Amino acid sequence: MTGTPSRVTHCHCSRCRKVRGTANATNLFVALPGIRFVRGEDLLTSYKLPDARTFTHVFCRVCGSSMPRLDENRALAIVPMGAFDDDPGARPERHIFVESKASWDEIHDELPQFPGPPPAL
């Protein structure tokens, strides 16, 4: 990633929770020109729910790691923060889909919370 992150979000929707196997997905957003794959792009596969407008899970078919999703329609990449080996220099700024969070999940920070989708990027 060479671009400057535009936002980092904790998503608590059931799709993100299930695909990441945890309380939320922490995603970094960056403009498409700011990210590129240096190797292994041919090993990526994706799963898109037919009824989902923007949800698609991209992962490595060898190791199963969640990987960046390039969203051409919105001209941005959604990067799972856990995919970084180094500090990307950005921190979470908000929680989204809080109404969908797991019953056992407790949010302990002061970041803004949105019951559903976030305001437009």
PDB file of N, CA and C in Angstrom:
ATOM      1  N   MET A   1       0.848  -1.165   0.000  1.00  0.00           N
ATOM      2  CA  MET A   1       0.000   0.000   0.000  1.00  0.00           C
ATOM      3  C   MET A   1       0.893   1.228   0.000  1.00  0.00           C
ATOM      4  N   THR A   2       0.689   2.082  -0.994  1.00  0.00           N
ATOM      5  CA  THR A   2       1.439   3.325  -1.075  1.00  0.00           C
ATOM      6  C   THR A   2       0.542   4.532  -0.836  1.00  0.00           C
ATOM      7  N   GLY A   3      -0.774   4.334  -0.934  1.00  0.00           N
ATOM      8  CA  GLY A   3      -1.723   5.425  -0.756  1.00  0.00           C
ATOM      9  C   GLY A   3      -1.974   5.744   0.701  1.00  0.00           C
ATOM     10  N   THR A   4      -2.559   6.892   0.922  1.00  0.00           N
ATOM     11  CA  THR A   4      -2.923   7.327   2.265  1.00  0.00           C
ATOM     12  C   THR A   4      -4.308   6.777   2.606  1.00  0.00           C
ATOM     13  N   PRO A   5      -4.433   6.085   3.714  1.00  0.00           N
ATOM     14  CA  PRO A   5      -5.748   5.562   4.097  1.00  0.00           C
ATOM     15  C   PRO A   5      -6.756   6.690   4.272  1.00  0.00           C
ATOM     16  N   SER A   6      -7.983   6.450   3.808  1.00  0.00           N
ATOM     17  CA  SER A   6      -9.018   7.469   3.966  1.00  0.00           C
ATOM     18  C   SER A   6      -9.850   7.236   5.219  1.00  0.00           C
ATOM     19  N   ARG A   7      -9.902   5.998   5.705  1.00  0.00           N
ATOM     20  CA  ARG A   7     -10.728   5.699   6.867  1.00  0.00           C
ATOM     21  C   ARG A   7     -10.427   4.277   7.340  1.00  0.00           C
ATOM     22  N   VAL A   8     -10.606   4.059   8.635  1.00  0.00           N
ATOM     23  CA  VAL A   8     -10.553   2.716   9.213  1.00  0.00           C
ATOM     24  C   VAL A   8     -11.811   2.536  10.042  1.00  0.00           C
ATOM     25  N   THR A   9     -12.500   1.418   9.821  1.00  0.00           N
ATOM     26  CA  THR A   9     -13.803   1.181  10.443  1.00  0.00           C
ATOM     27  C   THR A   9     -13.870  -0.203  11.068  1.00  0.00           C
ATOM     28  N   HIS A  10     -14.479  -0.277  12.259  1.00  0.00           N
ATOM     29  CA  HIS A  10     -14.841  -1.566  12.856  1.00  0.00           C
ATOM     30  C   HIS A  10     -16.266  -1.874  12.397  1.00  0.00           C
ATOM     31  N   CYS A  11     -16.468  -2.958  11.660  1.00  0.00           N
ATOM     32  CA  CYS A  11     -17.810  -3.342  11.211  1.00  0.00           C
ATOM     33  C   CYS A  11     -18.301  -4.519  12.039  1.00  0.00           C
ATOM     34  N   HIS A  12     -19.490  -4.367  12.625  1.00  0.00           N
ATOM     35  CA  HIS A  12     -20.064  -5.388  13.494  1.00  0.00           C
ATOM     36  C   HIS A  12     -21.197  -6.168  12.831  1.00  0.00           C
ATOM     37  N   CYS A  13     -21.389  -6.027  11.506  1.00  0.00           N
ATOM     38  CA  CYS A  13     -22.484  -6.747  10.846  1.00  0.00           C
ATOM     39  C   CYS A  13     -22.233  -8.255  10.933  1.00  0.00           C
ATOM     40  N   SER A  14     -23.294  -9.024  10.840  1.00  0.00           N
ATOM     41  CA  SER A  14     -23.167 -10.478  10.989  1.00  0.00           C
ATOM     42  C   SER A  14     -22.293 -11.086   9.898  1.00  0.00           C
ATOM     43  N   ARG A  15     -22.318 -10.531   8.709  1.00  0.00           N
ATOM     44  CA  ARG A  15     -21.484 -11.070   7.629  1.00  0.00           C
ATOM     45  C   ARG A  15     -20.006 -10.906   7.956  1.00  0.00           C
ATOM     46  N   CYS A  16     -19.624  -9.716   8.383  1.00  0.00           N
ATOM     47  CA  CYS A  16     -18.217  -9.469   8.727  1.00  0.00           C
ATOM     48  C   CYS A  16     -17.788 -10.307   9.932  1.00  0.00           C
ATOM     49  N   ARG A  17     -18.651 -10.399  10.935  1.00  0.00           N
ATOM     50  CA  ARG A  17     -18.316 -11.207  12.111  1.00  0.00           C
ATOM     51  C   ARG A  17     -18.060 -12.654  11.713  1.00  0.00           C
ATOM     52  N   LYS A  18     -18.929 -13.191  10.891  1.00  0.00           N
ATOM     53  CA  LYS A  18     -18.799 -14.608  10.526  1.00  0.00           C
ATOM     54  C   LYS A  18     -17.598 -14.867   9.623  1.00  0.00           C
ATOM     55  N   VAL A  19     -17.353 -13.985   8.669  1.00  0.00           N
ATOM     56  CA  VAL A  19     -16.245 -14.218   7.758  1.00  0.00           C
ATOM     57  C   VAL A  19     -14.894 -14.060   8.457  1.00  0.00           C
ATOM     58  N   ARG A  20     -14.819 -13.198   9.478  1.00  0.00           N
ATOM     59  CA  ARG A  20     -13.569 -13.007  10.206  1.00  0.00           C
ATOM     60  C   ARG A  20     -13.494 -13.859  11.476  1.00  0.00           C
ATOM     61  N   GLY A  21     -14.622 -14.425  11.896  1.00  0.00           N
ATOM     62  CA  GLY A  21     -14.618 -15.282  13.071  1.00  0.00           C
ATOM     63  C   GLY A  21     -14.329 -14.546  14.359  1.00  0.00           C
ATOM     64  N   THR A  22     -14.760 -13.294  14.444  1.00  0.00           N
ATOM     65  CA  THR A  22     -14.495 -12.485  15.628  1.00  0.00           C
ATOM     66  C   THR A  22     -15.612 -11.461  15.805  1.00  0.00           C
ATOM     67  N   ALA A  23     -15.472 -10.589  16.771  1.00  0.00           N
ATOM     68  CA  ALA A  23     -16.539  -9.633  17.099  1.00  0.00           C
ATOM     69  C   ALA A  23     -16.803  -8.624  15.997  1.00  0.00           C
ATOM     70  N   ASN A  24     -15.786  -8.293  15.218  1.00  0.00           N
ATOM     71  CA  ASN A  24     -15.959  -7.312  14.147  1.00  0.00           C
ATOM     72  C   ASN A  24     -14.846  -7.465  13.130  1.00  0.00           C
ATOM     73  N   ALA A  25     -15.037  -6.824  12.004  1.00  0.00           N
ATOM     74  CA  ALA A  25     -13.988  -6.736  10.992  1.00  0.00           C
ATOM     75  C   ALA A  25     -13.438  -5.321  11.046  1.00  0.00           C
ATOM     76  N   THR A  26     -12.148  -5.180  11.118  1.00  0.00           N
ATOM     77  CA  THR A  26     -11.529  -3.868  11.099  1.00  0.00           C
ATOM     78  C   THR A  26     -10.937  -3.673   9.708  1.00  0.00           C
ATOM     79  N   ASN A  27     -11.539  -2.733   8.960  1.00  0.00           N
ATOM     80  CA  ASN A  27     -11.182  -2.524   7.563  1.00  0.00           C
ATOM     81  C   ASN A  27     -10.619  -1.130   7.330  1.00  0.00           C
ATOM     82  N   LEU A  28      -9.569  -1.072   6.537  1.00  0.00           N
ATOM     83  CA  LEU A  28      -8.957   0.172   6.117  1.00  0.00           C
ATOM     84  C   LEU A  28      -9.404   0.440   4.679  1.00  0.00           C
ATOM     85  N   PHE A  29      -9.709   1.683   4.385  1.00  0.00           N
ATOM     86  CA  PHE A  29     -10.126   2.084   3.042  1.00  0.00           C
ATOM     87  C   PHE A  29      -9.044   2.963   2.435  1.00  0.00           C
ATOM     88  N   VAL A  30      -8.699   2.683   1.181  1.00  0.00           N
ATOM     89  CA  VAL A  30      -7.692   3.455   0.461  1.00  0.00           C
ATOM     90  C   VAL A  30      -8.113   3.531  -1.000  1.00  0.00           C
ATOM     91  N   ALA A  31      -7.791   4.649  -1.652  1.00  0.00           N
ATOM     92  CA  ALA A  31      -8.109   4.799  -3.074  1.00  0.00           C
ATOM     93  C   ALA A  31      -7.395   3.709  -3.878  1.00  0.00           C
ATOM     94  N   LEU A  32      -8.055   3.206  -4.909  1.00  0.00           N
ATOM     95  CA  LEU A  32      -7.505   2.113  -5.715  1.00  0.00           C
ATOM     96  C   LEU A  32      -6.069   2.324  -6.183  1.00  0.00           C
ATOM     97  N   PRO A  33      -5.714   3.506  -6.662  1.00  0.00           N
ATOM     98  CA  PRO A  33      -4.323   3.666  -7.121  1.00  0.00           C
ATOM     99  C   PRO A  33      -3.294   3.502  -5.999  1.00  0.00           C
ATOM    100  N   GLY A  34      -3.733   3.538  -4.752  1.00  0.00           N
ATOM    101  CA  GLY A  34      -2.817   3.457  -3.619  1.00  0.00           C
ATOM    102  C   GLY A  34      -2.515   2.054  -3.143  1.00  0.00           C
ATOM    103  N   ILE A  35      -2.984   1.049  -3.874  1.00  0.00           N
ATOM    104  CA  ILE A  35      -2.705  -0.325  -3.454  1.00  0.00           C
ATOM    105  C   ILE A  35      -2.464  -1.197  -4.673  1.00  0.00           C
ATOM    106  N   ARG A  36      -1.553  -2.145  -4.502  1.00  0.00           N
ATOM    107  CA  ARG A  36      -1.316  -3.118  -5.569  1.00  0.00           C
ATOM    108  C   ARG A  36      -0.779  -4.392  -4.942  1.00  0.00           C
ATOM    109  N   PHE A  37      -1.001  -5.469  -5.617  1.00  0.00           N
ATOM    110  CA  PHE A  37      -0.474  -6.753  -5.170  1.00  0.00           C
ATOM    111  C   PHE A  37       0.908  -6.933  -5.779  1.00  0.00           C
ATOM    112  N   VAL A  38       1.884  -7.294  -4.962  1.00  0.00           N
ATOM    113  CA  VAL A  38       3.242  -7.496  -5.474  1.00  0.00           C
ATOM    114  C   VAL A  38       3.493  -8.958  -5.826  1.00  0.00           C
ATOM    115  N   ARG A  39       2.705  -9.842  -5.270  1.00  0.00           N
ATOM    116  CA  ARG A  39       2.766 -11.259  -5.642  1.00  0.00           C
ATOM    117  C   ARG A  39       1.541 -11.964  -5.056  1.00  0.00           C
ATOM    118  N   GLY A  40       1.186 -13.081  -5.646  1.00  0.00           N
ATOM    119  CA  GLY A  40       0.123 -13.919  -5.123  1.00  0.00           C
ATOM    120  C   GLY A  40      -1.288 -13.540  -5.515  1.00  0.00           C
ATOM    121  N   GLU A  41      -1.465 -12.518  -6.339  1.00  0.00           N
ATOM    122  CA  GLU A  41      -2.820 -12.115  -6.714  1.00  0.00           C
ATOM    123  C   GLU A  41      -3.572 -13.250  -7.403  1.00  0.00           C
ATOM    124  N   ASP A  42      -2.838 -14.098  -8.106  1.00  0.00           N
ATOM    125  CA  ASP A  42      -3.466 -15.232  -8.795  1.00  0.00           C
ATOM    126  C   ASP A  42      -3.975 -16.299  -7.812  1.00  0.00           C
ATOM    127  N   LEU A  43      -3.593 -16.197  -6.558  1.00  0.00           N
ATOM    128  CA  LEU A  43      -4.038 -17.148  -5.534  1.00  0.00           C
ATOM    129  C   LEU A  43      -5.288 -16.686  -4.802  1.00  0.00           C
ATOM    130  N   LEU A  44      -5.786 -15.500  -5.148  1.00  0.00           N
ATOM    131  CA  LEU A  44      -6.955 -14.962  -4.458  1.00  0.00           C
ATOM    132  C   LEU A  44      -8.243 -15.487  -5.078  1.00  0.00           C
ATOM    133  N   THR A  45      -9.208 -15.666  -4.222  1.00  0.00           N
ATOM    134  CA  THR A  45     -10.551 -16.021  -4.657  1.00  0.00           C
ATOM    135  C   THR A  45     -11.518 -15.167  -3.854  1.00  0.00           C
ATOM    136  N   SER A  46     -12.745 -15.084  -4.320  1.00  0.00           N
ATOM    137  CA  SER A  46     -13.698 -14.258  -3.590  1.00  0.00           C
ATOM    138  C   SER A  46     -15.039 -14.959  -3.482  1.00  0.00           C
ATOM    139  N   TYR A  47     -15.762 -14.564  -2.460  1.00  0.00           N
ATOM    140  CA  TYR A  47     -17.114 -15.056  -2.239  1.00  0.00           C
ATOM    141  C   TYR A  47     -18.023 -13.849  -2.081  1.00  0.00           C
ATOM    142  N   LYS A  48     -19.007 -13.749  -2.942  1.00  0.00           N
ATOM    143  CA  LYS A  48     -19.976 -12.659  -2.874  1.00  0.00           C
ATOM    144  C   LYS A  48     -21.353 -13.247  -2.660  1.00  0.00           C
ATOM    145  N   LEU A  49     -22.014 -12.761  -1.620  1.00  0.00           N
ATOM    146  CA  LEU A  49     -23.399 -13.165  -1.402  1.00  0.00           C
ATOM    147  C   LEU A  49     -24.259 -12.549  -2.498  1.00  0.00           C
ATOM    148  N   PRO A  50     -25.131 -13.341  -3.107  1.00  0.00           N
ATOM    149  CA  PRO A  50     -25.945 -12.813  -4.209  1.00  0.00           C
ATOM    150  C   PRO A  50     -26.800 -11.608  -3.827  1.00  0.00           C
ATOM    151  N   ASP A  51     -27.284 -11.565  -2.595  1.00  0.00           N
ATOM    152  CA  ASP A  51     -28.167 -10.466  -2.192  1.00  0.00           C
ATOM    153  C   ASP A  51     -27.432  -9.295  -1.548  1.00  0.00           C
ATOM    154  N   ALA A  52     -26.123  -9.367  -1.454  1.00  0.00           N
ATOM    155  CA  ALA A  52     -25.349  -8.296  -0.813  1.00  0.00           C
ATOM    156  C   ALA A  52     -24.957  -7.240  -1.832  1.00  0.00           C
ATOM    157  N   ARG A  53     -25.173  -5.978  -1.470  1.00  0.00           N
ATOM    158  CA  ARG A  53     -24.838  -4.876  -2.373  1.00  0.00           C
ATOM    159  C   ARG A  53     -23.329  -4.681  -2.473  1.00  0.00           C
ATOM    160  N   THR A  54     -22.636  -4.633  -1.346  1.00  0.00           N
ATOM    161  CA  THR A  54     -21.196  -4.367  -1.384  1.00  0.00           C
ATOM    162  C   THR A  54     -20.350  -5.436  -0.708  1.00  0.00           C
ATOM    163  N   PHE A  55     -20.938  -6.369  -0.001  1.00  0.00           N
ATOM    164  CA  PHE A  55     -20.140  -7.357   0.740  1.00  0.00           C
ATOM    165  C   PHE A  55     -19.572  -8.423  -0.193  1.00  0.00           C
ATOM    166  N   THR A  56     -18.269  -8.558  -0.174  1.00  0.00           N
ATOM    167  CA  THR A  56     -17.563  -9.638  -0.851  1.00  0.00           C
ATOM    168  C   THR A  56     -16.350  -9.963   0.007  1.00  0.00           C
ATOM    169  N   HIS A  57     -16.114 -11.237   0.215  1.00  0.00           N
ATOM    170  CA  HIS A  57     -14.948 -11.652   0.992  1.00  0.00           C
ATOM    171  C   HIS A  57     -13.878 -12.171   0.035  1.00  0.00           C
ATOM    172  N   VAL A  58     -12.702 -11.558   0.079  1.00  0.00           N
ATOM    173  CA  VAL A  58     -11.574 -11.980  -0.746  1.00  0.00           C
ATOM    174  C   VAL A  58     -10.564 -12.645   0.175  1.00  0.00           C
ATOM    175  N   PHE A  59     -10.071 -13.804  -0.253  1.00  0.00           N
ATOM    176  CA  PHE A  59      -9.137 -14.539   0.593  1.00  0.00           C
ATOM    177  C   PHE A  59      -8.178 -15.361  -0.258  1.00  0.00           C
ATOM    178  N   CYS A  60      -7.071 -15.746   0.363  1.00  0.00           N
ATOM    179  CA  CYS A  60      -6.073 -16.583  -0.286  1.00  0.00           C
ATOM    180  C   CYS A  60      -6.550 -18.026  -0.256  1.00  0.00           C
ATOM    181  N   ARG A  61      -6.585 -18.664  -1.400  1.00  0.00           N
ATOM    182  CA  ARG A  61      -7.071 -20.044  -1.434  1.00  0.00           C
ATOM    183  C   ARG A  61      -6.024 -21.048  -0.943  1.00  0.00           C
ATOM    184  N   VAL A  62      -4.800 -20.578  -0.672  1.00  0.00           N
ATOM    185  CA  VAL A  62      -3.768 -21.455  -0.130  1.00  0.00           C
ATOM    186  C   VAL A  62      -3.786 -21.434   1.393  1.00  0.00           C
ATOM    187  N   CYS A  63      -3.765 -20.230   1.982  1.00  0.00           N
ATOM    188  CA  CYS A  63      -3.674 -20.127   3.448  1.00  0.00           C
ATOM    189  C   CYS A  63      -4.965 -19.659   4.112  1.00  0.00           C
ATOM    190  N   GLY A  64      -5.921 -19.158   3.337  1.00  0.00           N
ATOM    191  CA  GLY A  64      -7.197 -18.719   3.895  1.00  0.00           C
ATOM    192  C   GLY A  64      -7.207 -17.307   4.448  1.00  0.00           C
ATOM    193  N   SER A  65      -6.095 -16.589   4.375  1.00  0.00           N
ATOM    194  CA  SER A  65      -6.039 -15.225   4.920  1.00  0.00           C
ATOM    195  C   SER A  65      -6.974 -14.284   4.171  1.00  0.00           C
ATOM    196  N   SER A  66      -7.664 -13.425   4.924  1.00  0.00           N
ATOM    197  CA  SER A  66      -8.476 -12.378   4.309  1.00  0.00           C
ATOM    198  C   SER A  66      -7.544 -11.383   3.638  1.00  0.00           C
ATOM    199  N   MET A  67      -7.929 -10.951   2.447  1.00  0.00           N
ATOM    200  CA  MET A  67      -7.088 -10.064   1.657  1.00  0.00           C
ATOM    201  C   MET A  67      -7.886  -8.858   1.171  1.00  0.00           C
ATOM    202  N   PRO A  68      -7.206  -7.846   0.633  1.00  0.00           N
ATOM    203  CA  PRO A  68      -7.905  -6.651   0.162  1.00  0.00           C
ATOM    204  C   PRO A  68      -8.908  -6.955  -0.951  1.00  0.00           C
ATOM    205  N   ARG A  69      -9.994  -6.202  -0.908  1.00  0.00           N
ATOM    206  CA  ARG A  69     -10.999  -6.290  -1.974  1.00  0.00           C
ATOM    207  C   ARG A  69     -10.947  -4.989  -2.753  1.00  0.00           C
ATOM    208  N   LEU A  70     -10.768  -5.108  -4.046  1.00  0.00           N
ATOM    209  CA  LEU A  70     -10.709  -3.941  -4.916  1.00  0.00           C
ATOM    210  C   LEU A  70     -12.117  -3.669  -5.433  1.00  0.00           C
ATOM    211  N   ASP A  71     -12.672  -2.553  -5.009  1.00  0.00           N
ATOM    212  CA  ASP A  71     -14.035  -2.174  -5.377  1.00  0.00           C
ATOM    213  C   ASP A  71     -13.960  -1.109  -6.465  1.00  0.00           C
ATOM    214  N   GLU A  72     -14.007  -1.561  -7.709  1.00  0.00           N
ATOM    215  CA  GLU A  72     -13.879  -0.652  -8.862  1.00  0.00           C
ATOM    216  C   GLU A  72     -15.022   0.355  -8.907  1.00  0.00           C
ATOM    217  N   ASN A  73     -16.228  -0.061  -8.520  1.00  0.00           N
ATOM    218  CA  ASN A  73     -17.388   0.840  -8.563  1.00  0.00           C
ATOM    219  C   ASN A  73     -17.215   2.055  -7.662  1.00  0.00           C
ATOM    220  N   ARG A  74     -16.585   1.853  -6.517  1.00  0.00           N
ATOM    221  CA  ARG A  74     -16.375   2.957  -5.579  1.00  0.00           C
ATOM    222  C   ARG A  74     -14.952   3.510  -5.633  1.00  0.00           C
ATOM    223  N   ALA A  75     -14.122   2.952  -6.521  1.00  0.00           N
ATOM    224  CA  ALA A  75     -12.728   3.382  -6.714  1.00  0.00           C
ATOM    225  C   ALA A  75     -11.916   3.326  -5.425  1.00  0.00           C
ATOM    226  N   LEU A  76     -12.129   2.262  -4.640  1.00  0.00           N
ATOM    227  CA  LEU A  76     -11.363   2.107  -3.409  1.00  0.00           C
ATOM    228  C   LEU A  76     -11.090   0.645  -3.130  1.00  0.00           C
ATOM    229  N   ALA A  77     -10.139   0.436  -2.265  1.00  0.00           N
ATOM    230  CA  ALA A  77      -9.813  -0.905  -1.792  1.00  0.00           C
ATOM    231  C   ALA A  77     -10.200  -0.988  -0.326  1.00  0.00           C
ATOM    232  N   ILE A  78     -10.778  -2.130   0.043  1.00  0.00           N
ATOM    233  CA  ILE A  78     -11.133  -2.402   1.433  1.00  0.00           C
ATOM    234  C   ILE A  78     -10.106  -3.429   1.917  1.00  0.00           C
ATOM    235  N   VAL A  79      -9.278  -3.025   2.858  1.00  0.00           N
ATOM    236  CA  VAL A  79      -8.159  -3.847   3.297  1.00  0.00           C
ATOM    237  C   VAL A  79      -8.385  -4.305   4.729  1.00  0.00           C
ATOM    238  N   PRO A  80      -8.465  -5.628   4.974  1.00  0.00           N
ATOM    239  CA  PRO A  80      -8.550  -6.099   6.352  1.00  0.00           C
ATOM    240  C   PRO A  80      -7.266  -5.716   7.095  1.00  0.00           C
ATOM    241  N   MET A  81      -7.408  -5.046   8.219  1.00  0.00           N
ATOM    242  CA  MET A  81      -6.227  -4.586   8.953  1.00  0.00           C
ATOM    243  C   MET A  81      -5.321  -5.742   9.369  1.00  0.00           C
ATOM    244  N   GLY A  82      -5.901  -6.914   9.584  1.00  0.00           N
ATOM    245  CA  GLY A  82      -5.095  -8.076   9.951  1.00  0.00           C
ATOM    246  C   GLY A  82      -4.194  -8.568   8.829  1.00  0.00           C
ATOM    247  N   ALA A  83      -4.381  -8.081   7.613  1.00  0.00           N
ATOM    248  CA  ALA A  83      -3.564  -8.495   6.474  1.00  0.00           C
ATOM    249  C   ALA A  83      -2.206  -7.788   6.451  1.00  0.00           C
ATOM    250  N   PHE A  84      -2.061  -6.715   7.239  1.00  0.00           N
ATOM    251  CA  PHE A  84      -0.803  -5.966   7.227  1.00  0.00           C
ATOM    252  C   PHE A  84       0.258  -6.648   8.077  1.00  0.00           C
ATOM    253  N   ASP A  85       1.479  -6.687   7.559  1.00  0.00           N
ATOM    254  CA  ASP A  85       2.618  -7.135   8.350  1.00  0.00           C
ATOM    255  C   ASP A  85       3.192  -5.967   9.147  1.00  0.00           C
ATOM    256  N   ASP A  86       3.088  -4.766   8.590  1.00  0.00           N
ATOM    257  CA  ASP A  86       3.632  -3.567   9.234  1.00  0.00           C
ATOM    258  C   ASP A  86       2.490  -2.629   9.598  1.00  0.00           C
ATOM    259  N   ASP A  87       2.795  -1.651  10.436  1.00  0.00           N
ATOM    260  CA  ASP A  87       1.812  -0.657  10.851  1.00  0.00           C
ATOM    261  C   ASP A  87       1.434   0.212   9.648  1.00  0.00           C
ATOM    262  N   PRO A  88       0.156   0.237   9.268  1.00  0.00           N
ATOM    263  CA  PRO A  88      -0.245   1.047   8.126  1.00  0.00           C
ATOM    264  C   PRO A  88      -0.358   2.534   8.451  1.00  0.00           C
ATOM    265  N   GLY A  89      -0.173   2.899   9.705  1.00  0.00           N
ATOM    266  CA  GLY A  89      -0.198   4.307  10.089  1.00  0.00           C
ATOM    267  C   GLY A  89      -1.584   4.890  10.255  1.00  0.00           C
ATOM    268  N   ALA A  90      -2.593   4.065  10.329  1.00  0.00           N
ATOM    269  CA  ALA A  90      -3.974   4.538  10.510  1.00  0.00           C
ATOM    270  C   ALA A  90      -4.606   3.764  11.651  1.00  0.00           C
ATOM    271  N   ARG A  91      -5.582   4.390  12.298  1.00  0.00           N
ATOM    272  CA  ARG A  91      -6.264   3.766  13.430  1.00  0.00           C
ATOM    273  C   ARG A  91      -7.772   3.798  13.202  1.00  0.00           C
ATOM    274  N   PRO A  92      -8.506   2.870  13.832  1.00  0.00           N
ATOM    275  CA  PRO A  92      -9.967   2.864  13.695  1.00  0.00           C
ATOM    276  C   PRO A  92     -10.576   4.194  14.114  1.00  0.00           C
ATOM    277  N   GLU A  93     -11.623   4.592  13.373  1.00  0.00           N
ATOM    278  CA  GLU A  93     -12.280   5.873  13.610  1.00  0.00           C
ATOM    279  C   GLU A  93     -13.744   5.749  14.013  1.00  0.00           C
ATOM    280  N   ARG A  94     -14.339   4.582  13.821  1.00  0.00           N
ATOM    281  CA  ARG A  94     -15.771   4.442  14.095  1.00  0.00           C
ATOM    282  C   ARG A  94     -16.173   2.968  14.111  1.00  0.00           C
ATOM    283  N   HIS A  95     -17.356   2.726  14.664  1.00  0.00           N
ATOM    284  CA  HIS A  95     -17.996   1.409  14.657  1.00  0.00           C
ATOM    285  C   HIS A  95     -19.252   1.525  13.800  1.00  0.00           C
ATOM    286  N   ILE A  96     -19.478   0.541  12.921  1.00  0.00           N
ATOM    287  CA  ILE A  96     -20.688   0.550  12.097  1.00  0.00           C
ATOM    288  C   ILE A  96     -21.461  -0.747  12.308  1.00  0.00           C
ATOM    289  N   PHE A  97     -22.737  -0.722  11.962  1.00  0.00           N
ATOM    290  CA  PHE A  97     -23.659  -1.849  12.138  1.00  0.00           C
ATOM    291  C   PHE A  97     -23.672  -2.344  13.583  1.00  0.00           C
ATOM    292  N   VAL A  98     -23.637  -1.390  14.503  1.00  0.00           N
ATOM    293  CA  VAL A  98     -23.624  -1.714  15.921  1.00  0.00           C
ATOM    294  C   VAL A  98     -24.907  -2.431  16.350  1.00  0.00           C
ATOM    295  N   GLU A  99     -26.029  -2.135  15.702  1.00  0.00           N
ATOM    296  CA  GLU A  99     -27.276  -2.851  16.024  1.00  0.00           C
ATOM    297  C   GLU A  99     -27.173  -4.345  15.740  1.00  0.00           C
ATOM    298  N   SER A 100     -26.241  -4.746  14.882  1.00  0.00           N
ATOM    299  CA  SER A 100     -26.069  -6.156  14.525  1.00  0.00           C
ATOM    300  C   SER A 100     -24.984  -6.843  15.330  1.00  0.00           C
ATOM    301  N   LYS A 101     -24.337  -6.130  16.241  1.00  0.00           N
ATOM    302  CA  LYS A 101     -23.208  -6.742  16.944  1.00  0.00           C
ATOM    303  C   LYS A 101     -23.655  -7.946  17.763  1.00  0.00           C
ATOM    304  N   ALA A 102     -22.718  -8.839  18.008  1.00  0.00           N
ATOM    305  CA  ALA A 102     -22.989 -10.036  18.804  1.00  0.00           C
ATOM    306  C   ALA A 102     -23.410  -9.637  20.215  1.00  0.00           C
ATOM    307  N   SER A 103     -24.302 -10.408  20.793  1.00  0.00           N
ATOM    308  CA  SER A 103     -24.816 -10.093  22.129  1.00  0.00           C
ATOM    309  C   SER A 103     -23.711 -10.067  23.187  1.00  0.00           C
ATOM    310  N   TRP A 104     -22.656 -10.815  22.976  1.00  0.00           N
ATOM    311  CA  TRP A 104     -21.561 -10.891  23.940  1.00  0.00           C
ATOM    312  C   TRP A 104     -20.503  -9.810  23.713  1.00  0.00           C
ATOM    313  N   ASP A 105     -20.623  -9.080  22.620  1.00  0.00           N
ATOM    314  CA  ASP A 105     -19.636  -8.062  22.265  1.00  0.00           C
ATOM    315  C   ASP A 105     -19.908  -6.770  23.028  1.00  0.00           C
ATOM    316  N   GLU A 106     -18.887  -6.242  23.676  1.00  0.00           N
ATOM    317  CA  GLU A 106     -18.990  -4.963  24.370  1.00  0.00           C
ATOM    318  C   GLU A 106     -17.957  -4.010  23.790  1.00  0.00           C
ATOM    319  N   ILE A 107     -18.397  -2.836  23.409  1.00  0.00           N
ATOM    320  CA  ILE A 107     -17.504  -1.824  22.856  1.00  0.00           C
ATOM    321  C   ILE A 107     -16.993  -0.968  24.015  1.00  0.00           C
ATOM    322  N   HIS A 108     -15.662  -0.897  24.156  1.00  0.00           N
ATOM    323  CA  HIS A 108     -15.064  -0.209  25.304  1.00  0.00           C
ATOM    324  C   HIS A 108     -14.285   1.042  24.929  1.00  0.00           C
ATOM    325  N   ASP A 109     -14.520   1.578  23.753  1.00  0.00           N
ATOM    326  CA  ASP A 109     -13.808   2.798  23.390  1.00  0.00           C
ATOM    327  C   ASP A 109     -14.811   3.925  23.168  1.00  0.00           C
ATOM    328  N   GLU A 110     -14.309   5.087  22.880  1.00  0.00           N
ATOM    329  CA  GLU A 110     -15.156   6.271  22.702  1.00  0.00           C
ATOM    330  C   GLU A 110     -15.369   6.629  21.234  1.00  0.00           C
ATOM    331  N   LEU A 111     -15.049   5.720  20.328  1.00  0.00           N
ATOM    332  CA  LEU A 111     -15.235   5.998  18.901  1.00  0.00           C
ATOM    333  C   LEU A 111     -16.719   6.147  18.583  1.00  0.00           C
ATOM    334  N   PRO A 112     -17.071   6.962  17.589  1.00  0.00           N
ATOM    335  CA  PRO A 112     -18.472   7.103  17.194  1.00  0.00           C
ATOM    336  C   PRO A 112     -19.062   5.748  16.781  1.00  0.00           C
ATOM    337  N   GLN A 113     -20.327   5.570  17.101  1.00  0.00           N
ATOM    338  CA  GLN A 113     -21.033   4.334  16.766  1.00  0.00           C
ATOM    339  C   GLN A 113     -22.235   4.648  15.894  1.00  0.00           C
ATOM    340  N   PHE A 114     -22.420   3.834  14.854  1.00  0.00           N
ATOM    341  CA  PHE A 114     -23.536   3.976  13.953  1.00  0.00           C
ATOM    342  C   PHE A 114     -24.346   2.687  13.987  1.00  0.00           C
ATOM    343  N   PRO A 115     -25.676   2.772  14.124  1.00  0.00           N
ATOM    344  CA  PRO A 115     -26.488   1.554  14.217  1.00  0.00           C
ATOM    345  C   PRO A 115     -26.461   0.721  12.941  1.00  0.00           C
ATOM    346  N   GLY A 116     -26.312   1.339  11.815  1.00  0.00           N
ATOM    347  CA  GLY A 116     -26.294   0.636  10.532  1.00  0.00           C
ATOM    348  C   GLY A 116     -25.099   1.047   9.715  1.00  0.00           C
ATOM    349  N   PRO A 117     -25.304   1.235   8.413  1.00  0.00           N
ATOM    350  CA  PRO A 117     -24.168   1.607   7.565  1.00  0.00           C
ATOM    351  C   PRO A 117     -23.643   2.987   7.923  1.00  0.00           C
ATOM    352  N   PRO A 118     -22.401   3.222   7.532  1.00  0.00           N
ATOM    353  CA  PRO A 118     -21.784   4.512   7.852  1.00  0.00           C
ATOM    354  C   PRO A 118     -22.300   5.613   6.939  1.00  0.00           C
ATOM    355  N   PRO A 119     -22.033   6.842   7.344  1.00  0.00           N
ATOM    356  CA  PRO A 119     -22.275   7.942   6.410  1.00  0.00           C
ATOM    357  C   PRO A 119     -21.386   7.706   5.180  1.00  0.00           C
ATOM    358  N   ALA A 120     -21.721   8.306   4.083  1.00  0.00           N
ATOM    359  CA  ALA A 120     -20.945   8.118   2.848  1.00  0.00           C
ATOM    360  C   ALA A 120     -19.478   8.456   3.067  1.00  0.00           C
ATOM    361  N   LEU A 121     -18.641   7.679   2.391  1.00  0.00           N
ATOM    362  CA  LEU A 121     -17.183   7.935   2.468  1.00  0.00           C
ATOM    363  C   LEU A 121     -16.849   9.218   1.756  1.00  0.00           C
TER     364      LEU A 121
END
